[in-house]
Protein backbone atom coordinates (compact mmCIF):
# COMPACT_ATOMS: atom_id res chain seq x y z
CA MET A 1 -93.78 -94.11 58.73
CA SER A 2 -93.53 -96.98 56.25
CA SER A 3 -94.79 -94.77 53.42
CA TYR A 4 -91.56 -92.77 53.45
CA SER A 5 -88.71 -93.93 51.24
CA LEU A 6 -85.08 -93.97 52.31
CA PRO A 7 -83.50 -90.51 52.31
CA ASP A 8 -80.70 -89.32 50.08
CA THR A 9 -77.48 -89.99 52.01
CA SER A 10 -75.04 -88.61 49.46
CA TYR A 11 -72.29 -86.47 50.92
CA PRO A 12 -73.59 -83.16 49.43
CA GLN A 13 -76.99 -83.73 51.03
CA LEU A 14 -75.57 -84.77 54.41
CA ALA A 15 -73.08 -81.90 54.38
CA ARG A 16 -75.88 -79.42 53.66
CA LEU A 17 -77.94 -80.70 56.57
CA GLU A 18 -74.88 -80.82 58.83
CA SER A 19 -74.19 -77.15 58.08
CA LYS A 20 -77.85 -76.25 58.61
CA TYR A 21 -77.89 -78.07 61.95
CA ILE A 22 -74.81 -76.18 63.11
CA ASP A 23 -76.25 -72.81 62.08
CA THR A 24 -79.77 -73.24 63.43
CA LEU A 25 -79.52 -75.66 66.36
CA HIS A 26 -75.99 -76.28 67.57
CA THR A 27 -75.40 -72.59 68.27
CA LYS A 28 -78.35 -72.66 70.71
CA ASN A 29 -77.73 -76.07 72.32
CA PRO A 30 -74.11 -77.26 71.90
CA ILE A 31 -74.71 -80.90 72.82
CA LEU A 32 -72.56 -82.47 70.08
CA ASP A 33 -68.85 -82.53 69.37
CA LEU A 34 -68.70 -81.20 65.81
CA GLY A 35 -65.56 -83.15 64.95
CA ASP A 36 -67.22 -86.41 65.98
CA LEU A 37 -70.38 -85.46 64.09
CA HIS A 38 -68.44 -84.77 60.89
CA ARG A 39 -66.68 -88.13 61.10
CA MET A 40 -70.03 -89.89 61.51
CA ILE A 41 -71.45 -87.93 58.57
CA LEU A 42 -68.55 -89.09 56.40
CA GLN A 43 -69.01 -92.69 57.50
CA VAL A 44 -72.72 -92.71 56.61
CA ALA A 45 -72.01 -91.02 53.27
CA GLU A 46 -69.38 -93.65 52.43
CA ASP A 47 -70.90 -96.82 53.90
CA GLY A 48 -74.63 -96.10 53.88
CA LEU A 49 -77.17 -96.66 56.66
CA ASP A 50 -76.36 -99.40 59.16
CA TRP A 51 -78.07 -100.17 62.48
CA SER A 52 -75.56 -98.46 64.75
CA THR A 53 -76.11 -95.70 67.30
CA GLN A 54 -73.92 -93.47 65.14
CA THR A 55 -76.31 -93.83 62.19
CA CYS A 56 -79.24 -93.10 64.50
CA LEU A 57 -77.50 -89.92 65.66
CA VAL A 58 -76.74 -88.76 62.10
CA ALA A 59 -80.35 -89.42 61.08
CA LEU A 60 -81.64 -87.39 64.04
CA VAL A 61 -79.30 -84.51 63.23
CA CYS A 62 -80.55 -84.51 59.63
CA ALA A 63 -84.21 -84.85 60.68
CA ASN A 64 -83.88 -81.84 62.99
CA ALA A 65 -81.96 -79.81 60.44
CA ALA A 66 -84.50 -80.44 57.70
CA ILE A 67 -87.49 -79.49 59.84
CA THR A 68 -85.90 -76.31 61.18
CA GLU A 69 -86.62 -73.03 59.43
CA PRO A 70 -84.03 -70.24 59.57
CA TYR A 71 -84.95 -67.26 61.75
CA PRO A 72 -86.55 -64.55 59.56
CA GLU A 73 -84.52 -61.42 58.96
CA SER A 74 -87.66 -59.29 58.97
CA VAL A 75 -91.39 -59.56 59.50
CA GLY A 76 -93.80 -57.38 57.59
CA GLY A 77 -97.05 -56.14 59.00
CA ASP A 78 -99.27 -56.86 56.02
CA GLU A 79 -100.97 -60.15 55.24
CA MET A 80 -99.09 -60.62 51.97
CA SER A 81 -95.70 -60.54 53.71
CA LEU A 82 -96.76 -63.37 56.03
CA SER A 83 -97.72 -65.72 53.20
CA SER A 84 -95.23 -67.94 51.40
CA THR A 85 -94.69 -67.98 47.68
CA PRO A 86 -95.42 -71.23 45.82
CA ASP A 87 -91.68 -71.87 45.51
CA GLN A 88 -91.18 -71.37 49.25
CA GLN A 89 -94.09 -73.68 50.04
CA ALA A 90 -92.64 -76.34 47.76
CA ARG A 91 -89.21 -76.07 49.43
CA GLU A 92 -90.77 -76.27 52.90
CA LYS A 93 -92.80 -79.33 51.90
CA ALA A 94 -89.69 -81.00 50.49
CA GLU A 95 -87.76 -80.31 53.71
CA LEU A 96 -90.60 -81.66 55.86
CA ASP A 97 -90.73 -84.83 53.77
CA LEU A 98 -86.96 -85.15 54.05
CA SER A 99 -87.18 -84.74 57.82
CA MET A 100 -89.75 -87.54 57.99
CA GLN A 101 -87.52 -89.77 55.86
CA PHE A 102 -84.59 -89.32 58.23
CA TRP A 103 -86.88 -89.67 61.26
CA ASN A 104 -88.15 -92.96 59.83
CA VAL A 105 -84.53 -94.14 59.75
CA ALA A 106 -83.82 -92.84 63.26
CA ILE A 107 -86.88 -94.22 65.04
CA LYS A 108 -86.09 -97.76 63.86
CA ARG A 109 -82.69 -97.49 65.53
CA LEU A 110 -83.61 -95.44 68.60
CA GLY A 111 -84.60 -98.48 70.68
CA TYR A 112 -81.19 -100.06 70.18
CA ALA A 113 -79.43 -96.73 70.76
CA SER A 114 -81.31 -96.04 74.01
CA GLY A 115 -80.19 -99.42 75.33
CA GLN A 116 -76.54 -98.40 75.09
CA SER A 117 -74.77 -96.77 78.02
CA SER A 118 -73.00 -94.04 76.09
CA VAL A 119 -72.94 -90.30 75.48
CA GLN A 120 -74.26 -90.92 71.96
CA ALA A 121 -77.32 -92.70 73.39
CA VAL A 122 -78.14 -89.66 75.54
CA GLN A 123 -77.61 -87.38 72.54
CA CYS A 124 -80.00 -89.48 70.44
CA LEU A 125 -82.78 -89.29 73.04
CA CYS A 126 -82.25 -85.56 73.52
CA LEU A 127 -82.35 -84.92 69.76
CA ALA A 128 -85.54 -86.99 69.54
CA GLY A 129 -87.10 -84.70 72.15
CA ILE A 130 -85.99 -81.63 70.18
CA TRP A 131 -87.51 -83.10 67.00
CA TYR A 132 -90.86 -83.57 68.72
CA MET A 133 -90.68 -79.97 69.96
CA HIS A 134 -90.32 -78.86 66.34
CA ARG A 135 -93.35 -81.01 65.54
CA LEU A 136 -95.34 -79.31 68.33
CA GLU A 137 -95.85 -82.62 70.14
CA PRO A 138 -94.94 -81.63 73.71
CA LEU A 139 -95.92 -84.88 75.44
CA GLU A 140 -93.76 -86.96 73.12
CA ALA A 141 -90.99 -84.40 73.56
CA TRP A 142 -91.21 -84.66 77.35
CA LYS A 143 -91.20 -88.46 77.17
CA HIS A 144 -87.93 -88.45 75.24
CA PHE A 145 -86.35 -85.70 77.35
CA SER A 146 -87.30 -87.73 80.43
CA LEU A 147 -85.69 -90.83 78.91
CA ALA A 148 -82.63 -88.74 78.05
CA GLY A 149 -82.42 -87.54 81.66
CA THR A 150 -82.62 -91.10 82.94
CA ALA A 151 -79.94 -92.23 80.48
CA TRP A 152 -77.75 -89.27 81.47
CA HIS A 153 -78.10 -90.06 85.18
CA SER A 154 -77.32 -93.74 84.62
CA LEU A 155 -74.27 -92.88 82.52
CA SER A 156 -72.98 -90.37 85.07
CA LEU A 157 -73.20 -92.97 87.85
CA THR A 158 -71.41 -95.72 85.93
CA HIS A 159 -68.88 -93.86 83.76
CA PHE A 160 -68.24 -90.49 85.39
CA PRO A 161 -67.49 -90.41 89.12
CA HIS A 162 -68.38 -87.07 90.68
CA GLY A 163 -64.95 -85.51 90.43
CA GLU A 164 -64.40 -86.65 86.85
CA LEU A 165 -67.66 -85.11 85.66
CA ILE A 166 -66.60 -81.71 86.94
CA ASN A 167 -62.82 -81.57 86.64
CA GLN A 168 -61.67 -82.03 83.07
CA ALA A 169 -58.19 -83.47 83.39
CA ASP A 170 -57.72 -83.98 79.63
CA SER A 171 -58.17 -80.50 78.16
CA SER A 172 -58.01 -81.91 74.62
CA SER A 173 -61.27 -83.82 75.10
CA ASN A 174 -64.69 -82.17 75.16
CA GLU A 175 -66.56 -85.25 76.40
CA LEU A 176 -67.17 -83.84 79.87
CA THR A 177 -68.27 -80.50 78.44
CA ILE A 178 -70.72 -82.38 76.21
CA MET A 179 -72.05 -84.29 79.23
CA GLN A 180 -72.52 -81.02 81.11
CA ALA A 181 -74.25 -79.39 78.13
CA LEU A 182 -76.54 -82.41 77.78
CA TYR A 183 -77.49 -82.08 81.44
CA PHE A 184 -78.49 -78.44 81.08
CA THR A 185 -80.25 -78.83 77.72
CA ILE A 186 -82.37 -81.71 79.04
CA TRP A 187 -82.98 -79.89 82.33
CA LYS A 188 -84.13 -76.59 80.82
CA SER A 189 -86.24 -78.39 78.20
CA GLU A 190 -88.10 -80.31 80.90
CA CYS A 191 -88.54 -77.10 82.91
CA GLU A 192 -90.04 -75.39 79.87
CA LEU A 193 -92.51 -78.21 79.28
CA ARG A 194 -93.45 -78.45 82.95
CA LEU A 195 -94.76 -74.87 82.78
CA GLU A 196 -97.42 -75.90 80.27
CA LEU A 197 -98.19 -79.56 81.01
CA PRO A 198 -99.36 -81.47 84.12
CA LEU A 199 -96.14 -83.46 84.42
CA PRO A 200 -94.83 -85.40 87.42
CA SER A 201 -92.28 -83.60 89.54
CA PRO A 202 -89.42 -83.66 90.32
CA SER A 203 -87.61 -84.95 87.24
CA VAL A 204 -84.76 -87.45 87.40
CA LEU A 205 -82.16 -84.72 86.89
CA ASP A 206 -83.51 -82.73 89.84
CA ASN A 207 -82.26 -85.56 92.05
CA ALA A 208 -79.00 -86.12 90.18
CA TYR A 209 -75.75 -85.02 91.78
CA PHE A 210 -74.51 -82.09 89.73
CA PRO A 211 -73.04 -79.22 91.77
CA LEU A 212 -72.32 -76.86 88.86
CA ALA A 213 -74.76 -74.02 88.15
CA PHE A 214 -73.40 -73.70 84.60
CA PRO A 215 -71.54 -75.96 82.15
CA GLN A 216 -67.83 -75.47 81.56
CA PRO A 217 -67.04 -74.02 78.09
CA PRO A 218 -65.28 -76.40 75.69
CA SER A 219 -61.84 -76.10 74.19
CA LEU A 220 -61.97 -74.44 70.77
CA GLY A 221 -61.82 -76.94 67.92
CA SER A 222 -60.27 -76.71 64.49
CA HIS A 223 -62.99 -78.52 62.56
CA PRO A 224 -63.66 -76.73 59.24
CA LEU A 225 -67.42 -76.58 59.86
CA ASP A 226 -66.99 -75.46 63.45
CA PRO A 227 -68.04 -71.81 63.86
CA ASP A 228 -65.10 -69.44 64.20
CA THR A 229 -63.87 -68.44 67.62
CA THR A 230 -66.05 -65.33 67.84
CA GLU A 231 -69.20 -67.24 66.85
CA ARG A 232 -68.33 -70.10 69.24
CA GLU A 233 -67.93 -67.67 72.12
CA ARG A 234 -71.15 -65.89 71.15
CA SER A 235 -72.98 -69.21 71.17
CA TRP A 236 -71.71 -70.08 74.62
CA TYR A 237 -72.48 -66.63 76.03
CA TYR A 238 -76.04 -67.09 74.80
CA TYR A 239 -76.25 -70.62 76.23
CA LEU A 240 -75.04 -69.45 79.65
CA SER A 241 -77.41 -66.46 79.59
CA GLU A 242 -80.32 -68.79 78.85
CA ILE A 243 -79.38 -71.09 81.73
CA ALA A 244 -79.08 -68.13 84.11
CA ALA A 245 -82.55 -66.94 83.07
CA ARG A 246 -83.94 -70.43 83.65
CA HIS A 247 -82.51 -70.47 87.19
CA LEU A 248 -84.32 -67.18 87.89
CA ILE A 249 -87.57 -68.40 86.33
CA ASN A 250 -87.51 -71.54 88.47
CA ARG A 251 -86.85 -69.48 91.59
CA LEU A 252 -89.79 -67.20 90.82
CA LEU A 253 -92.10 -70.13 90.09
CA GLN A 254 -91.18 -71.68 93.43
CA MET A 255 -91.82 -68.39 95.24
CA ASN A 256 -95.17 -67.89 93.49
CA SER A 257 -96.28 -71.42 94.38
CA GLU A 258 -95.83 -70.56 98.07
CA VAL A 259 -98.01 -67.41 97.95
CA PRO A 260 -101.08 -67.90 100.21
CA THR A 261 -104.53 -67.60 98.65
CA THR A 262 -105.52 -64.83 101.06
CA PRO A 263 -102.30 -63.26 102.36
CA THR A 264 -102.23 -61.28 105.57
CA GLU A 265 -100.71 -57.80 105.76
CA LYS A 266 -97.49 -59.28 107.13
CA GLN A 267 -97.35 -61.80 104.30
CA VAL A 268 -97.95 -59.05 101.73
CA ARG A 269 -95.03 -57.06 103.11
CA ARG A 270 -92.88 -60.18 102.82
CA MET A 271 -94.08 -60.70 99.23
CA ILE A 272 -93.15 -57.12 98.37
CA SER A 273 -89.69 -57.60 99.87
CA GLN A 274 -89.18 -60.81 97.88
CA ALA A 275 -90.39 -59.12 94.69
CA GLU A 276 -87.94 -56.26 95.16
CA MET A 277 -85.13 -58.75 95.72
CA MET A 278 -86.04 -60.66 92.55
CA GLU A 279 -86.36 -57.43 90.54
CA THR A 280 -82.79 -56.64 91.55
CA GLN A 281 -81.62 -60.08 90.42
CA ILE A 282 -83.48 -59.73 87.10
CA PHE A 283 -81.81 -56.41 86.34
CA ASP A 284 -78.48 -57.87 87.45
CA TRP A 285 -79.02 -60.60 84.84
CA TYR A 286 -79.96 -58.00 82.23
CA SER A 287 -76.95 -55.78 82.98
CA SER A 288 -74.59 -58.79 82.91
CA LEU A 289 -75.57 -59.76 79.36
CA PRO A 290 -72.64 -59.41 76.95
CA PRO A 291 -72.74 -56.25 74.80
CA ILE A 292 -73.55 -58.36 71.71
CA PHE A 293 -76.89 -59.27 73.33
CA TYR A 294 -77.84 -55.79 74.49
CA PHE A 295 -81.44 -54.71 73.94
CA ASP A 296 -83.36 -51.62 75.00
CA ILE A 297 -86.08 -52.12 77.58
CA PRO A 298 -89.22 -50.99 75.75
CA GLU A 299 -91.72 -48.66 77.33
CA GLY A 300 -95.38 -49.54 77.00
CA TYR A 301 -96.80 -52.62 75.33
CA GLN A 302 -95.41 -52.34 71.80
CA ILE A 303 -92.08 -53.91 70.87
CA ASP A 304 -90.45 -54.11 67.49
CA PHE A 305 -89.34 -57.30 65.81
CA HIS A 306 -85.67 -58.04 66.44
CA PRO A 307 -83.66 -59.53 63.54
CA ASN A 308 -81.30 -61.41 65.88
CA ALA A 309 -82.76 -64.72 67.08
CA MET A 310 -80.65 -64.91 70.24
CA ILE A 311 -81.54 -61.36 71.33
CA PHE A 312 -85.19 -62.06 70.53
CA VAL A 313 -85.23 -65.05 72.91
CA LEU A 314 -83.29 -63.29 75.68
CA ARG A 315 -85.61 -60.28 75.47
CA HIS A 316 -88.56 -62.65 75.81
CA ARG A 317 -86.93 -64.20 78.90
CA PHE A 318 -86.62 -60.71 80.39
CA PHE A 319 -90.34 -60.04 79.88
CA THR A 320 -91.23 -63.44 81.31
CA LEU A 321 -89.19 -62.73 84.44
CA ARG A 322 -90.82 -59.33 84.92
CA GLU A 323 -94.28 -60.84 84.49
CA LEU A 324 -93.59 -63.61 87.01
CA VAL A 325 -92.50 -61.06 89.61
CA SER A 326 -95.78 -59.16 89.20
CA ARG A 327 -98.10 -62.15 88.98
CA PRO A 328 -98.78 -62.63 92.74
CA PHE A 329 -99.97 -59.01 93.01
CA VAL A 330 -102.55 -59.22 90.25
CA ILE A 331 -106.02 -58.99 91.78
CA ASP A 332 -108.59 -61.41 90.43
CA THR A 333 -111.30 -59.23 88.90
CA LYS A 334 -113.80 -62.02 89.47
CA ALA A 335 -113.25 -62.13 93.22
CA PRO A 336 -116.42 -62.07 95.39
CA GLY A 337 -117.97 -58.62 95.41
CA THR A 338 -116.13 -57.48 92.29
CA PRO A 339 -118.29 -56.93 89.20
CA SER A 340 -117.23 -58.80 86.09
CA ALA A 341 -115.73 -56.85 83.24
C-alpha cells in the first residue's frame, strides 16, 4: 500500500470517476444520495484529502469507479476479439493503479469511519466490500459486508425506531430510502457469498427487524449528474427485480437443504408438488419483469450474448432459479450399483 502515491484529486478527475461510478455501479446498487456525493466530491476537490468519513467515502467511490470496467457492447467468438490492444491494456493498468491509490487513501480512514454511528459509515463499509468483490477477494468482501451489516443494525436501533425506518414522513429526504437500499445491498451480497463459501449463518441482518420485502423508491432528485427520470426508474425496476429473484433463490436453497438423502415415494411426491409450485413462482417473476427487461427463454443449451448488462444478469438469475428447482431430482451417476461414466 505504501508504494502508491497520492491520487490526483483535481475536480476533472473526481468528476470523471463520479460519473463512471453512477453509470456502472449506482444504477445497480443505489446506496448513495447523489446530491450528497456531489457535494463531498466538490469539498475534496477544493480542500484536498482530510481524515473525515466523507473523504473516506469519496475515496471508496473513486476506487470502485476506477476498477470497474464498462459492460462490453459485444463479444466476438474469435481469440483476437478477446484480447486487448496495447492502448487498452495501458488504460486498464492506469485505472487499476488509480484504484489502488484511492484505496490506499480510503483504507487509512476506514477504521475511523467504521467507528462512527452514521449512514456514511455503513456506506463506507459496504463500498469496501464491493471493492473487494471487484478484486475477486470474496473472504475480505464478506468480512466488510458483515461489518456493514453490523453497523447498519446498530444504526437502525439507535437512530431509526421501527416506524421511522419504514414510514418516510419527510418526502424531501432520501435518508430512509438509502438505509433501506443499504440493507438489501448488504443482504443480497452476503447471500451471494454464502452460496460459495463456508460462512457462519445466519448473518446479523437475518435477525434484524425489517418487515419490508423491498425498499421504498426514492423521490426523484434534480442533481445534474443524477440519471434522468426514465433511467432512474429503470435502475430501480432492475434493483427490485434482483431482490425478488434473491428471495426466490433463498427459498429454493432452503427447500433443497431439507431434501432427504434417500426420499420415500411420499416424500418424492411432495418434492414434485413443491417444485411445481416454485416453477409457477419463477414464471410469475419472469412475466412480471418490466417490458424493458424482457428476454426470450432460449431453447437448448446455447444462448447469445446480450448487450444489455441488466438483462444479462436477470436472464442469468432466471437460469439459476430453473436449475435450483431441478437440482433435487438429479440422480447421482456414481450411486452404488451405477457404473461410472
